[in-house]
Amino acid sequence: MKAIVLSVAVLVCAVGYTQPVITADVLPEVAESFSLTPFDATGFDPGDTGAGVTWNFSDLDASGSVETTVAHDASTIGGHEDFPEANVAWTNDGLTFTFFKSNSSVPENWGSVVND
């Protein structure tokens, strides 16, 4: 799930033309979803870093299968009692859920469970 969260963060930054501050406002809410396509970044060089720099991701090979992640009301998911502060749970397979506390300032990752 760490890879998914990292991928979401990278995707949010890559889609925008600036470097936005990632807050709960840009993350999916209950019943919303987002899709990711894994890519091989071996040998990829985004170029310079710093203010006023635009990265070009057009050379990345996004040939993996699309993964869709859905946000659920955390209180409806088995294992939510381990994360009482969480109000959103993400899953891309219906078995592994990552619990977040989503508020107006910053999303907080509280942990994950696997329900089999």
Protein backbone atom coordinates (compact mmCIF):
# COMPACT_ATOMS: atom_id res chain seq x y z
CA MET A 1 0.00 0.00 0.00
CA LYS A 2 2.96 2.33 0.53
CA ALA A 3 3.65 2.07 -3.19
CA ILE A 4 0.07 3.05 -3.97
CA VAL A 5 0.18 6.04 -1.66
CA LEU A 6 3.50 7.08 -3.16
CA SER A 7 2.11 6.57 -6.66
CA VAL A 8 -0.88 8.74 -5.84
CA ALA A 9 1.39 11.47 -4.54
CA VAL A 10 3.55 11.28 -7.67
CA LEU A 11 0.47 11.25 -9.91
CA VAL A 12 -1.03 14.29 -8.19
CA CYS A 13 2.22 16.21 -8.68
CA ALA A 14 2.75 14.98 -12.25
CA VAL A 15 -0.73 15.92 -13.45
CA GLY A 16 -0.45 19.50 -12.23
CA TYR A 17 1.72 22.10 -13.87
CA THR A 18 3.02 23.30 -10.52
CA GLN A 19 4.01 21.69 -7.27
CA PRO A 20 0.76 21.71 -5.29
CA VAL A 21 0.53 21.19 -1.57
CA ILE A 22 -1.05 17.78 -1.05
CA THR A 23 -3.97 18.16 1.33
CA ALA A 24 -7.09 16.10 1.92
CA ASP A 25 -8.88 18.39 -0.56
CA VAL A 26 -7.12 16.74 -3.52
CA LEU A 27 -7.55 13.13 -2.37
CA PRO A 28 -10.60 10.97 -3.11
CA GLU A 29 -13.52 11.09 -0.70
CA VAL A 30 -15.87 8.23 0.21
CA ALA A 31 -17.35 6.57 -2.93
CA GLU A 32 -14.80 8.24 -5.23
CA SER A 33 -12.03 6.36 -7.02
CA PHE A 34 -8.83 6.97 -8.94
CA SER A 35 -6.87 4.86 -11.41
CA LEU A 36 -3.13 4.37 -11.68
CA THR A 37 -1.00 2.74 -14.35
CA PRO A 38 2.30 1.38 -13.00
CA PHE A 39 5.38 2.31 -15.02
CA ASP A 40 9.01 1.30 -15.26
CA ALA A 41 11.18 4.27 -14.30
CA THR A 42 14.48 2.41 -14.76
CA GLY A 43 16.96 4.82 -16.26
CA PHE A 44 14.47 7.69 -16.33
CA ASP A 45 16.01 11.10 -15.69
CA PRO A 46 13.47 13.88 -15.10
CA GLY A 47 16.16 16.55 -15.50
CA ASP A 48 16.92 19.55 -13.33
CA THR A 49 15.28 20.25 -9.98
CA GLY A 50 14.23 23.46 -8.33
CA ALA A 51 11.85 26.35 -8.80
CA GLY A 52 10.60 27.12 -12.29
CA VAL A 53 11.56 23.70 -13.70
CA THR A 54 9.10 21.58 -15.70
CA TRP A 55 9.63 17.82 -15.75
CA ASN A 56 8.82 15.83 -18.89
CA PHE A 57 7.34 12.39 -18.14
CA SER A 58 6.42 11.59 -21.76
CA ASP A 59 9.24 9.02 -22.12
CA LEU A 60 7.92 6.79 -19.33
CA ASP A 61 6.55 3.42 -20.44
CA ALA A 62 3.13 3.10 -18.79
CA SER A 63 2.41 -0.38 -20.13
CA GLY A 64 1.24 -1.99 -16.89
CA SER A 65 -2.35 -2.84 -16.13
CA VAL A 66 -4.56 -0.09 -14.72
CA GLU A 67 -5.22 -0.32 -10.97
CA THR A 68 -8.36 1.34 -9.62
CA THR A 69 -8.46 2.37 -5.95
CA VAL A 70 -11.78 3.09 -4.25
CA ALA A 71 -12.33 5.15 -1.09
CA HIS A 72 -14.76 3.74 1.51
CA ASP A 73 -16.26 4.97 4.76
CA ALA A 74 -13.71 3.55 7.23
CA SER A 75 -16.38 2.61 9.78
CA THR A 76 -17.86 0.08 7.32
CA ILE A 77 -14.61 -1.87 6.83
CA GLY A 78 -13.47 -4.81 8.96
CA GLY A 79 -10.50 -3.79 11.09
CA HIS A 80 -11.58 -0.17 11.45
CA GLU A 81 -11.67 -0.57 15.23
CA ASP A 82 -7.84 -0.66 15.16
CA PHE A 83 -7.85 2.86 13.66
CA PRO A 84 -10.67 4.73 15.43
CA GLU A 85 -9.49 8.14 14.19
CA ALA A 86 -9.65 7.09 10.53
CA ASN A 87 -12.64 8.14 8.44
CA VAL A 88 -11.59 6.92 4.96
CA ALA A 89 -10.25 3.53 3.82
CA TRP A 90 -8.70 2.91 0.37
CA THR A 91 -8.53 -0.42 -1.42
CA ASN A 92 -7.58 -1.60 -4.89
CA ASP A 93 -8.32 -5.29 -4.36
CA GLY A 94 -11.18 -5.43 -1.85
CA LEU A 95 -8.96 -7.24 0.67
CA THR A 96 -6.24 -4.80 1.73
CA PHE A 97 -7.45 -1.51 3.17
CA THR A 98 -5.36 1.53 4.12
CA PHE A 99 -6.99 3.78 6.71
CA PHE A 100 -6.68 7.58 6.68
CA LYS A 101 -7.93 10.45 8.74
CA SER A 102 -8.97 12.96 6.12
CA ASN A 103 -9.54 16.54 7.22
CA SER A 104 -9.11 19.99 5.74
CA SER A 105 -5.41 20.29 6.49
CA VAL A 106 -3.41 17.13 5.85
CA PRO A 107 -4.27 13.44 5.30
CA GLU A 108 -2.95 11.14 8.03
CA ASN A 109 -2.19 7.48 7.27
CA TRP A 110 -3.21 5.39 10.30
CA GLY A 111 -2.36 1.92 8.98
CA SER A 112 -3.53 -1.03 6.90
CA VAL A 113 -5.35 -4.33 7.35
CA VAL A 114 -5.83 -7.37 5.15
CA ASN A 115 -9.30 -8.89 5.34
CA ASP A 116 -9.48 -12.41 3.93
